[in-house]
Amino acid sequence: MTLGDAIIAGTALMYELTLITRNVDDFRWIPQLNLLNPFDIDTG
């Protein structure tokens, strides 16, 4: 995880926000972080 990723994750955690990113692998190890990959959504 880069410093930028850590700042983004920390901000999302602090404000209880969902982190929307295609790069979920770098953040998956943080259990309290809500992640959303918009490319995984079925628009069906």
C-alpha atoms as a PDB file:
ATOM      1  CA  MET A   1       0.000   0.000   0.000  1.00  0.00           C
ATOM      2  CA  THR A   2       1.317   3.421  -0.920  1.00  0.00           C
ATOM      3  CA  LEU A   3       1.068   6.513   1.233  1.00  0.00           C
ATOM      4  CA  GLY A   4      -1.710   7.829  -1.018  1.00  0.00           C
ATOM      5  CA  ASP A   5      -3.702   4.624  -0.638  1.00  0.00           C
ATOM      6  CA  ALA A   6      -3.256   4.782   3.138  1.00  0.00           C
ATOM      7  CA  ILE A   7      -4.542   8.369   3.245  1.00  0.00           C
ATOM      8  CA  ILE A   8      -7.554   7.459   1.103  1.00  0.00           C
ATOM      9  CA  ALA A   9      -8.355   4.394   3.240  1.00  0.00           C
ATOM     10  CA  GLY A  10      -7.902   6.345   6.456  1.00  0.00           C
ATOM     11  CA  THR A  11     -10.208   9.099   5.258  1.00  0.00           C
ATOM     12  CA  ALA A  12     -12.888   6.585   4.250  1.00  0.00           C
ATOM     13  CA  LEU A  13     -12.615   4.901   7.648  1.00  0.00           C
ATOM     14  CA  MET A  14     -12.682   8.191   9.558  1.00  0.00           C
ATOM     15  CA  TYR A  15     -15.875   9.386   7.867  1.00  0.00           C
ATOM     16  CA  GLU A  16     -17.448   5.909   7.563  1.00  0.00           C
ATOM     17  CA  LEU A  17     -17.539   6.147   3.761  1.00  0.00           C
ATOM     18  CA  THR A  18     -17.510   3.439   1.130  1.00  0.00           C
ATOM     19  CA  LEU A  19     -14.291   3.423  -0.860  1.00  0.00           C
ATOM     20  CA  ILE A  20     -15.100   3.101  -4.551  1.00  0.00           C
ATOM     21  CA  THR A  21     -12.136   1.731  -6.472  1.00  0.00           C
ATOM     22  CA  ARG A  22     -11.258  -0.807  -9.101  1.00  0.00           C
ATOM     23  CA  ASN A  23      -8.114  -1.635  -7.108  1.00  0.00           C
ATOM     24  CA  VAL A  24      -9.777  -3.519  -4.258  1.00  0.00           C
ATOM     25  CA  ASP A  25      -6.845  -5.915  -3.747  1.00  0.00           C
ATOM     26  CA  ASP A  26      -4.771  -3.209  -2.021  1.00  0.00           C
ATOM     27  CA  PHE A  27      -7.556  -2.499   0.481  1.00  0.00           C
ATOM     28  CA  ARG A  28      -9.164  -5.917   1.049  1.00  0.00           C
ATOM     29  CA  TRP A  29      -7.050  -6.623   4.145  1.00  0.00           C
ATOM     30  CA  ILE A  30      -8.697  -3.769   6.092  1.00  0.00           C
ATOM     31  CA  PRO A  31     -11.779  -5.449   7.611  1.00  0.00           C
ATOM     32  CA  GLN A  32     -13.615  -2.271   8.692  1.00  0.00           C
ATOM     33  CA  LEU A  33     -13.306  -0.646   5.251  1.00  0.00           C
ATOM     34  CA  ASN A  34     -16.369  -0.823   3.008  1.00  0.00           C
ATOM     35  CA  LEU A  35     -15.237  -1.403  -0.582  1.00  0.00           C
ATOM     36  CA  LEU A  36     -17.116  -1.126  -3.840  1.00  0.00           C
ATOM     37  CA  ASN A  37     -15.698  -2.011  -7.225  1.00  0.00           C
ATOM     38  CA  PRO A  38     -17.994  -0.320  -9.768  1.00  0.00           C
ATOM     39  CA  PHE A  39     -16.775  -2.713 -12.459  1.00  0.00           C
ATOM     40  CA  ASP A  40     -18.197  -5.697 -10.537  1.00  0.00           C
ATOM     41  CA  ILE A  41     -21.762  -4.339 -10.539  1.00  0.00           C
ATOM     42  CA  ASP A  42     -24.181  -6.248 -12.768  1.00  0.00           C
ATOM     43  CA  THR A  43     -26.237  -3.685 -14.685  1.00  0.00           C
ATOM     44  CA  GLY A  44     -28.233  -6.494 -16.127  1.00  0.00           C
END
